[in-house]
Protein backbone atom coordinates (compact mmCIF):
# COMPACT_ATOMS: atom_id res chain seq x y z
CA MET A 1 2.21 -5.89 21.45
CA GLY A 2 -1.45 -5.46 22.37
CA PHE A 3 -2.89 -7.55 19.52
CA GLU A 4 -5.73 -9.79 20.67
CA GLU A 5 -7.56 -11.09 17.61
CA ALA A 6 -6.59 -12.03 14.10
CA THR A 7 -8.01 -10.13 11.16
CA PRO A 8 -9.96 -12.20 8.59
CA ILE A 9 -7.01 -12.46 6.18
CA GLN A 10 -4.79 -13.67 9.04
CA GLU A 11 -7.38 -16.11 10.32
CA GLN A 12 -7.79 -17.74 6.92
CA SER A 13 -4.23 -17.53 5.57
CA ILE A 14 -2.08 -18.56 8.54
CA PRO A 15 -3.40 -22.16 8.81
CA ILE A 16 -2.91 -22.66 5.05
CA ILE A 17 0.68 -21.43 5.24
CA LEU A 18 1.45 -23.47 8.37
CA ALA A 19 0.16 -26.57 6.57
CA GLY A 20 2.82 -26.07 3.89
CA ASN A 21 0.53 -25.03 1.05
CA ASP A 22 1.17 -22.44 -1.63
CA LEU A 23 -1.29 -19.59 -1.35
CA ILE A 24 -2.83 -16.88 -3.48
CA ALA A 25 -4.66 -14.33 -1.34
CA CYS A 26 -6.73 -11.43 -2.57
CA ALA A 27 -6.72 -8.75 0.12
CA GLN A 28 -6.28 -5.02 -0.03
CA THR A 29 -3.96 -2.80 1.96
CA GLY A 30 -4.80 -2.29 5.62
CA THR A 31 -6.33 -5.74 6.22
CA GLY A 32 -3.37 -7.17 8.13
CA LYS A 33 -1.89 -9.17 5.26
CA THR A 34 1.75 -8.45 6.14
CA ALA A 35 1.43 -10.21 9.48
CA ALA A 36 -0.61 -12.92 7.74
CA PHE A 37 2.54 -14.10 5.98
CA LEU A 38 5.26 -12.90 8.39
CA LEU A 39 3.98 -14.76 11.45
CA PRO A 40 3.83 -18.28 9.91
CA VAL A 41 7.09 -17.66 8.04
CA LEU A 42 8.86 -16.66 11.27
CA ASP A 43 7.31 -19.68 12.99
CA HIS A 44 8.76 -21.94 10.30
CA LEU A 45 12.22 -20.40 10.58
CA LEU A 46 12.27 -20.91 14.35
CA ARG A 47 11.12 -24.53 14.12
CA ASN A 48 13.51 -25.55 11.34
CA GLU A 49 17.27 -25.13 11.52
CA SER A 50 19.03 -23.56 8.56
CA ASN A 51 21.43 -25.42 6.28
CA GLY A 52 24.11 -22.78 6.43
CA GLU A 53 24.24 -19.06 5.82
CA LYS A 54 21.84 -18.69 2.92
CA PRO A 55 18.61 -16.68 2.53
CA ARG A 56 15.55 -18.66 3.51
CA VAL A 57 12.76 -16.17 2.76
CA LEU A 58 12.42 -13.73 -0.14
CA VAL A 59 9.66 -11.10 -0.08
CA LEU A 60 9.29 -9.19 -3.36
CA VAL A 61 7.49 -5.84 -3.30
CA PRO A 62 6.83 -3.11 -5.90
CA THR A 63 8.21 -0.04 -4.06
CA ARG A 64 11.04 0.90 -1.73
CA GLU A 65 8.51 2.38 0.72
CA LEU A 66 6.79 -0.99 1.08
CA ALA A 67 10.16 -2.75 1.43
CA ILE A 68 11.09 -0.45 4.31
CA GLN A 69 7.67 -0.84 5.91
CA ILE A 70 7.79 -4.65 5.85
CA ASP A 71 11.38 -4.69 7.11
CA GLN A 72 10.31 -2.52 10.05
CA GLN A 73 7.48 -4.93 10.83
CA ILE A 74 9.93 -7.84 10.72
CA GLU A 75 12.07 -5.99 13.26
CA GLY A 76 9.06 -5.67 15.56
CA LEU A 77 7.62 -9.16 15.19
CA ALA A 78 11.01 -10.94 15.18
CA TYR A 79 12.62 -8.82 17.91
CA PHE A 80 13.20 -11.72 20.33
CA THR A 81 13.77 -14.44 17.73
CA GLY A 82 17.27 -13.67 16.47
CA VAL A 83 16.03 -13.90 12.88
CA SER A 84 17.99 -11.51 10.64
CA SER A 85 16.58 -9.52 7.74
CA VAL A 86 17.64 -6.96 5.16
CA ALA A 87 15.68 -4.55 2.96
CA VAL A 88 17.05 -4.36 -0.58
CA TYR A 89 15.87 -1.43 -2.71
CA GLY A 90 17.15 1.18 -5.12
CA GLY A 91 17.55 4.91 -4.81
CA ASN A 92 20.20 4.88 -2.10
CA SER A 93 23.98 5.20 -1.98
CA GLY A 94 26.75 2.85 -3.00
CA ALA A 95 27.58 2.32 0.66
CA GLU A 96 24.10 0.98 1.28
CA PHE A 97 24.43 -1.33 -1.73
CA ASP A 98 27.58 -2.74 -0.08
CA MET A 99 25.68 -3.21 3.18
CA GLU A 100 22.97 -5.10 1.30
CA ARG A 101 25.61 -7.26 -0.39
CA LYS A 102 27.25 -8.14 2.94
CA ALA A 103 23.89 -9.02 4.51
CA ILE A 104 22.95 -11.25 1.56
CA LYS A 105 26.34 -13.01 1.53
CA SER A 106 26.40 -13.50 5.30
CA GLY A 107 23.03 -15.23 5.20
CA ALA A 108 20.29 -12.81 6.26
CA ALA A 109 17.32 -15.14 6.76
CA LEU A 110 14.77 -12.77 5.26
CA ILE A 111 15.31 -10.56 2.23
CA VAL A 112 12.67 -7.94 1.42
CA ALA A 113 13.44 -6.57 -2.04
CA THR A 114 12.26 -4.61 -5.02
CA PRO A 115 12.79 -6.65 -8.20
CA GLY A 116 15.20 -4.30 -9.99
CA ARG A 117 17.56 -3.93 -7.05
CA LEU A 118 17.56 -7.67 -6.36
CA ILE A 119 18.50 -8.39 -9.99
CA ALA A 120 21.43 -5.98 -9.62
CA HIS A 121 22.71 -8.19 -6.79
CA ILE A 122 21.94 -11.41 -8.68
CA ASN A 123 24.02 -10.12 -11.60
CA MET A 124 27.02 -9.83 -9.27
CA GLY A 125 27.01 -13.61 -8.82
CA TYR A 126 26.90 -13.98 -5.03
CA VAL A 127 23.17 -14.48 -4.43
CA ASP A 128 22.45 -18.12 -3.53
CA PHE A 129 18.78 -19.09 -3.24
CA SER A 130 19.39 -22.85 -3.06
CA ALA A 131 18.12 -23.00 0.54
CA LEU A 132 15.06 -20.80 0.00
CA ASN A 133 12.00 -21.96 1.94
CA PHE A 134 9.54 -19.17 1.06
CA LEU A 135 8.88 -16.76 -1.77
CA VAL A 136 6.32 -14.04 -1.01
CA LEU A 137 4.99 -11.82 -3.80
CA ASP A 138 3.34 -8.87 -2.05
CA GLU A 139 1.08 -6.49 -4.00
CA ALA A 140 1.65 -8.64 -7.06
CA ASP A 141 -0.89 -6.68 -9.13
CA ARG A 142 1.03 -3.47 -8.48
CA MET A 143 4.29 -5.10 -9.57
CA LEU A 144 2.71 -6.12 -12.85
CA ASP A 145 1.18 -2.65 -13.31
CA MET A 146 4.65 -1.16 -12.87
CA GLY A 147 6.13 -3.40 -15.56
CA PHE A 148 8.05 -5.80 -13.31
CA LEU A 149 6.86 -9.01 -15.00
CA PRO A 150 10.15 -9.63 -16.92
CA ASP A 151 12.11 -9.03 -13.72
CA LEU A 152 9.84 -11.37 -11.75
CA GLN A 153 10.24 -14.12 -14.36
CA ARG A 154 14.00 -13.72 -14.28
CA ILE A 155 14.06 -13.96 -10.49
CA LEU A 156 11.79 -17.02 -10.52
CA ASN A 157 14.27 -18.75 -12.82
CA VAL A 158 17.08 -18.56 -10.24
CA LEU A 159 15.06 -19.59 -7.19
CA ASN A 160 15.05 -22.94 -5.47
CA LYS A 161 12.12 -24.89 -6.97
CA ASP A 162 11.42 -26.72 -3.71
CA ARG A 163 9.88 -23.74 -1.93
CA GLN A 164 6.54 -22.52 -0.63
CA THR A 165 5.16 -19.57 -2.61
CA LEU A 166 2.70 -17.03 -1.23
CA MET A 167 1.11 -14.40 -3.47
CA PHE A 168 -0.85 -11.44 -2.14
CA SER A 169 -2.73 -9.11 -4.46
CA ALA A 170 -5.50 -6.52 -4.11
CA THR A 171 -7.01 -7.64 -7.43
CA MET A 172 -6.89 -10.84 -9.41
CA PRO A 173 -6.80 -9.97 -13.14
CA GLY A 174 -5.75 -12.37 -15.89
CA PRO A 175 -2.01 -11.57 -15.78
CA ILE A 176 -1.93 -12.34 -12.05
CA ARG A 177 -3.63 -15.68 -12.66
CA LYS A 178 -1.08 -16.43 -15.38
CA LEU A 179 1.81 -15.54 -13.06
CA ALA A 180 0.31 -17.72 -10.33
CA ALA A 181 0.17 -20.66 -12.73
CA THR A 182 3.93 -20.48 -13.26
CA ALA A 183 5.01 -19.54 -9.72
CA LEU A 184 2.68 -21.61 -7.50
CA ARG A 185 2.01 -25.33 -7.14
CA ASN A 186 -1.37 -26.78 -6.18
CA HIS A 187 -2.17 -23.59 -4.33
CA LYS A 188 -5.02 -22.73 -1.99
CA GLU A 189 -6.95 -19.47 -2.39
CA VAL A 190 -8.25 -16.87 0.05
CA ASN A 191 -10.36 -14.05 -1.34
CA LEU A 192 -11.31 -11.22 0.99
CA ALA A 193 -10.75 -8.20 -1.20
CA VAL A 194 -13.80 -6.50 -2.59
CA SER A 195 -11.78 -3.53 -3.86
CA LYS A 196 -13.99 -1.03 -2.11
CA PRO A 197 -13.21 1.54 0.56
CA ALA A 198 -13.78 0.50 4.16
CA GLU A 199 -17.16 1.33 5.64
CA ASN A 200 -15.64 3.75 8.19
CA VAL A 201 -14.25 6.04 5.48
CA LEU A 202 -16.57 9.01 5.01
CA GLN A 203 -16.34 9.68 1.27
CA ALA A 204 -17.38 12.96 -0.30
CA ALA A 205 -16.55 15.09 -3.36
CA TYR A 206 -16.53 18.69 -4.51
CA LEU A 207 -17.19 19.79 -8.06
CA VAL A 208 -14.56 22.48 -8.35
CA HIS A 209 -12.54 24.28 -11.00
CA ASP A 210 -8.75 23.85 -10.86
CA LYS A 211 -8.15 27.49 -9.93
CA GLN A 212 -10.33 27.06 -6.82
CA LYS A 213 -8.63 23.95 -5.42
CA ILE A 214 -5.91 25.53 -3.28
CA ALA A 215 -8.40 27.94 -1.70
CA LEU A 216 -10.70 25.01 -1.01
CA ILE A 217 -7.92 23.09 0.75
CA GLU A 218 -7.26 26.15 2.91
CA LYS A 219 -10.97 26.37 3.74
CA LEU A 220 -11.12 22.67 4.66
CA VAL A 221 -7.99 22.58 6.81
CA VAL A 222 -7.53 25.91 8.60
CA GLY A 223 -9.10 26.06 12.05
CA ARG A 224 -10.09 22.39 12.10
CA ASP A 225 -8.79 19.54 14.25
CA LEU A 226 -6.99 17.65 11.48
CA PRO A 227 -3.56 16.60 12.78
CA LEU A 228 -2.56 14.66 9.64
CA VAL A 229 -3.80 15.47 6.13
CA LEU A 230 -2.64 13.53 3.06
CA ILE A 231 -3.12 15.11 -0.38
CA PHE A 232 -2.71 13.01 -3.52
CA SER A 233 -2.02 14.41 -6.96
CA ALA A 234 -1.27 12.67 -10.23
CA THR A 235 2.20 13.97 -11.11
CA LYS A 236 5.31 15.05 -9.28
CA LYS A 237 5.11 18.40 -11.10
CA SER A 238 1.67 19.09 -9.64
CA VAL A 239 2.77 17.83 -6.22
CA LYS A 240 5.60 20.37 -6.19
CA GLU A 241 3.23 23.14 -7.27
CA ILE A 242 0.68 22.24 -4.59
CA GLU A 243 3.41 22.24 -1.93
CA ALA A 244 4.57 25.71 -3.02
CA ASP A 245 1.00 27.08 -3.12
CA LEU A 246 0.17 25.72 0.34
CA LYS A 247 3.36 27.12 1.83
CA GLN A 248 2.47 30.48 0.32
CA LYS A 249 -0.79 30.21 2.25
CA LYS A 250 1.34 29.63 5.41
CA LEU A 251 0.14 26.04 5.71
CA ASN A 252 2.48 23.45 7.24
CA ALA A 253 2.98 21.23 4.17
CA LYS A 254 5.71 19.17 2.53
CA ALA A 255 5.79 17.02 -0.61
CA ILE A 256 7.07 13.52 -1.31
CA HIS A 257 7.78 12.34 -4.85
CA SER A 258 10.25 10.39 -6.96
CA ASP A 259 12.68 13.29 -7.39
CA LEU A 260 13.60 13.07 -3.71
CA THR A 261 16.36 10.73 -2.58
CA GLN A 262 15.41 7.81 -0.37
CA ASP A 263 16.85 9.59 2.67
CA GLU A 264 14.83 12.71 1.85
CA ARG A 265 11.65 10.70 1.46
CA GLY A 266 12.26 8.92 4.73
CA LYS A 267 12.84 12.20 6.53
CA VAL A 268 9.61 13.72 5.20
CA LEU A 269 7.59 10.60 6.11
CA ASN A 270 9.04 10.59 9.63
CA GLU A 271 8.19 14.27 10.06
CA PHE A 272 4.64 13.49 8.96
CA LYS A 273 4.35 10.49 11.31
CA ASN A 274 5.68 12.58 14.17
CA ARG A 275 3.24 15.40 13.32
CA THR A 276 6.03 17.88 12.72
CA ILE A 277 4.24 18.62 9.46
CA GLN A 278 0.47 18.60 9.13
CA ILE A 279 0.00 18.16 5.38
CA LEU A 280 1.80 15.64 3.18
CA VAL A 281 1.42 16.09 -0.59
CA ALA A 282 2.22 12.93 -2.52
CA THR A 283 2.09 11.08 -5.78
CA ASP A 284 0.81 7.51 -5.82
CA ILE A 285 4.22 6.17 -4.81
CA VAL A 286 2.95 6.24 -1.22
CA SER A 287 -0.68 5.26 -1.81
CA ARG A 288 0.09 1.64 -0.93
CA GLY A 289 3.30 1.98 1.01
CA ILE A 290 2.45 4.41 3.79
CA ASP A 291 1.45 2.84 7.09
CA ILE A 292 0.16 5.57 9.42
CA ASP A 293 -2.97 4.94 11.45
CA ASP A 294 -3.97 8.49 12.36
CA ILE A 295 -4.52 10.22 9.02
CA SER A 296 -7.79 12.07 9.52
CA LEU A 297 -8.29 13.44 6.01
CA VAL A 298 -7.26 12.30 2.53
CA ILE A 299 -7.78 14.75 -0.33
CA ASN A 300 -7.66 13.63 -3.95
CA PHE A 301 -6.50 16.82 -5.66
CA ASN A 302 -7.39 15.13 -8.92
CA VAL A 303 -9.62 12.19 -9.77
CA PRO A 304 -7.40 9.09 -10.16
CA SER A 305 -7.48 7.65 -13.66
CA ASP A 306 -7.62 4.14 -12.19
CA ALA A 307 -10.45 3.18 -9.84
CA GLU A 308 -8.07 0.87 -7.96
CA ASP A 309 -5.84 3.86 -7.25
CA TYR A 310 -8.87 5.64 -5.77
CA VAL A 311 -9.47 2.74 -3.40
CA HIS A 312 -5.85 2.66 -2.31
CA ARG A 313 -5.66 6.42 -1.88
CA VAL A 314 -8.73 6.65 0.34
CA GLY A 315 -7.54 3.56 2.19
CA ARG A 316 -4.80 5.66 3.78
CA THR A 317 -7.38 6.97 6.25
CA ALA A 318 -9.67 5.03 8.59
CA ARG A 319 -7.00 2.44 9.29
CA ALA A 320 -6.98 0.16 12.34
CA GLU A 321 -10.78 0.49 12.62
CA LYS A 322 -10.64 4.25 13.10
CA THR A 323 -12.83 6.63 11.14
CA GLY A 324 -11.59 9.10 8.57
CA MET A 325 -12.67 11.25 5.66
CA ALA A 326 -11.70 11.15 1.99
CA ILE A 327 -12.60 14.10 -0.25
CA THR A 328 -12.12 14.18 -4.00
CA PHE A 329 -11.90 17.32 -6.12
CA ILE A 330 -13.62 16.86 -9.50
CA ASN A 331 -13.02 19.33 -12.32
CA GLN A 332 -15.03 19.60 -15.53
CA ASP A 333 -12.82 17.07 -17.35
CA GLU A 334 -12.96 14.41 -14.64
CA VAL A 335 -16.70 13.87 -14.19
CA SER A 336 -16.94 10.76 -16.36
CA ASN A 337 -13.87 9.29 -14.68
CA PHE A 338 -15.41 9.78 -11.27
CA MET A 339 -18.62 8.15 -12.47
CA ARG A 340 -16.59 5.08 -13.41
CA ILE A 341 -15.14 5.00 -9.89
CA GLU A 342 -18.64 5.15 -8.39
CA THR A 343 -19.67 2.25 -10.61
CA PHE A 344 -16.55 0.30 -9.64
CA ILE A 345 -17.16 0.65 -5.89
CA ASP A 346 -20.95 0.37 -6.28
CA ALA A 347 -21.60 3.57 -4.35
CA THR A 348 -22.92 7.04 -5.02
CA ILE A 349 -20.53 9.44 -3.30
CA ARG A 350 -22.05 12.58 -1.83
CA LYS A 351 -21.30 15.81 -3.75
CA LEU A 352 -20.91 18.64 -1.26
CA PRO A 353 -21.81 22.24 -2.06
CA LEU A 354 -18.84 24.58 -2.29
CA PRO A 355 -18.37 26.85 0.75
CA GLU A 356 -19.80 30.33 0.77
CA GLY A 357 -17.79 32.77 -1.33
CA PHE A 358 -16.77 30.20 -3.97
CA ASP A 359 -18.00 30.49 -7.55
CA GLU A 360 -20.17 27.64 -8.77
CA GLY A 361 -18.26 24.55 -9.84
CA PRO A 362 -18.76 22.28 -12.86
CA ALA A 363 -21.99 20.34 -13.39
CA TYR A 364 -22.18 16.66 -12.52
CA GLU A 365 -24.34 14.76 -14.97
CA ALA A 366 -24.84 11.49 -13.15
CA ARG A 367 -25.77 8.57 -15.35
CA HIS A 368 -28.47 6.06 -14.40
CA ARG A 369 -27.42 3.09 -12.28
CA SER A 370 -29.55 0.04 -11.84
CA HIS A 371 -28.43 -0.54 -8.24
CA PRO A 372 -26.77 2.52 -6.77
CA ARG A 373 -25.79 2.35 -3.16
CA SER A 374 -25.98 5.59 -1.24
CA PHE A 375 -22.96 6.43 0.81
CA GLY A 376 -23.34 5.85 4.50
CA GLY A 377 -25.47 2.73 4.11
CA SER A 378 -24.50 -0.83 4.89
CA SER A 379 -20.99 -2.20 4.85
CA HIS A 380 -19.15 -2.45 1.56
CA ARG A 381 -16.99 -5.29 2.85
CA LYS A 382 -17.77 -8.96 2.54
CA SER A 383 -15.20 -10.12 5.07
CA GLY A 384 -17.51 -10.12 8.05
CA GLY A 385 -17.91 -7.89 11.06
CA LYS A 386 -15.25 -5.98 12.93
CA SER A 387 -13.15 -7.75 15.51
CA LYS A 388 -13.30 -6.60 19.09
CA GLY A 389 -10.24 -5.50 20.99
CA GLY A 390 -6.81 -4.97 19.46
CA VAL A 391 -6.45 -6.09 15.87
CA MET A 392 -3.17 -6.68 14.08
CA ARG A 393 -2.96 -4.38 11.06
CA SER A 394 -0.14 -4.23 8.62
C-alpha cells in the first residue's frame, strides 16, 4: 500500500496491544491511530481461530461518518485476510438494519458501531458478545461530549469480561479517566496528543462583520488554485444559508448536515472527494469523521465555542504531512472566544488585514500573555520529528 514507516502512535501502541495489554492512548485525529489498533487486532484474529460464528472485535465510535471511515479502512487493510466486518449506524433504511442484523448473527468478526444503533440490535436479543476478544473505544471524549455515557455503560454490561480493551481519545478529562477505570484492567498509557494544530497548518484570521463573510469567501476562493475548500459553521441553519449564498455567487458549493439522509451525506462527501464540488459547507458532524488528504483550505465561518473543536476543524487540512491553510472569521462577539483558543493552543494567530474594498472589521483587543508563541515558529507537537517516506495515516 506504499506505507513505509509507522507514525509515533502506531510505533508506541502496536507493541502494547500485541503483548495483550489494555491501552488508553491520547492522540488526535490524523495521527494514524486507526491503523494503530486495526493492525494488531487483525494480526490477533489471523493467529487465533474463532470459537464459532460470533463477533470477536467491537469498535465503538461517536458518529456514522467515523463508522463508515473505519469500515472502509478495514476493507483495505484486511482485503487478503478473509476477515469479515460490518458497520452498524443509524440514519439509514430498514433494509440496511436487516443487513446489519444478518451480519451480526452470521458472525462478522469485526463490528464498527455507533452506541445507539448497537443498543437497538442488542434489544432484539440476538447479539452475542461471549467470544469478544477486543473492545475499542475510538474518540471516547467525543462520545462522552455527545451524551453517550449511559449507552456505553449499558453496552459494557453485556460484553464478555475476558477481553482486551483499547481506548483512544484526543483529550483525557476526568470523565474519560473514570470511564477507563471501569472499562480497562491494568492498562498501559500512550500520550501523544498535545491538542494543538499540526505545524504545517498555516493558521490565520480575519476580523470581519457577519455581513462581509460571504464576500470575503468569494475573494479568498475565486481565481485561486484551491481544489478542495471546507467551510465549517456552527449550525445546520447557517450551513444551509451559506450554501445558498455561495451558489448565488456561482460558486461550486454543497452542504452536509444532519438533515440529510445517510445516503445523501455519502453522495455529497464522495462528490467532494472526487472534486466534483470545490466547496463543502459543514457542521461539526464531519470535523472528526472526514478523511480526505488534499483539503487545501479550511474556513471557520464562525469561531468554535470549544477550543477542541477548533483543533479538529483545522486538522482537516495539512493531513498526511502536506501543508494547508486554516482561516477563521471573527466577528465582534467572538473576540474573547478566539483569545481563549489562542491561549489553549499556546499560539498567537496572525490577524490578516481585510482585502481592499472591504469596510474595516471589528477591533481585536488582545490580552497579555506571559508566553505567547508567534505563529510560524517551532513545532507545536511533542511527538517528535516527521517520518520520512510513506506514512500510514488514518
